[in-house]
């Protein structure tokens, strides 16, 4: 069941919202993360101006939105909108179990990059990297069943949770040409909040990547599943433990 159009309209598109001040704030939030506003428009990112929520509609190949994923601006808080939360308790629950963010642009022939979140997708697309989709939650059998590509890049986060995603993906996609991407092979710059001092740390996910050159450096270090370098894996583990 898709999200009713009337409920979608309660959350104006970022591209055409009449709330100019809130639009600028959200667009600046994305720009600070290297995400172009026009890419947000392509994925029909919406907003809830009263609460400063960013709303990611998870649109499928038929053009319908089946999930509404909200991020609280400037906070690491996410939740899915339900009919009750939207103020429509009488509406039939919407959704589907095999959703992927970005699957409306998915190509089953070209190599596909699997990542965890919407911002990972939007950051790579802002660098003209195509065929990227995000799980936006657990990687399940219904989701995996939709991915038919022969070549798959596993671009999950460079942390313990991302390792679990990768192990599960290896089980689901046995027999394919699988590559693991390790975002932590490149360092990114960040600034302390108070004194704005410049620091460096390993990247954790695709959303951290700051330049196209960094992306290709990660790609250069890709590991073919089944032919991993033990020394490389040891360096990867110690970097995050």
Foldseek 3Di string as FASTA:
>chain_A
DFDDPVLVVQWAFLVDDPPVVLSVVVQVLLVVLQFHPVLSVVQRWTANVVQSKIWGFQAALVRTGQWIWIDRPPDRDIDTDFCVNSVRVVDDTGHDDQTKRPNNQADLEDEAEEEADPLLVRNCVSQVNDRYIHPVDADDLSNLVVRNHQEYEYFYWLAPVSVVNVVVNCVSDPPGFYKYFYQQVDKAWDADDPPRDIDIGGDTGSSRDDDPVSVVVRVVPIDTPPGDDVVVVVVSVVSHD
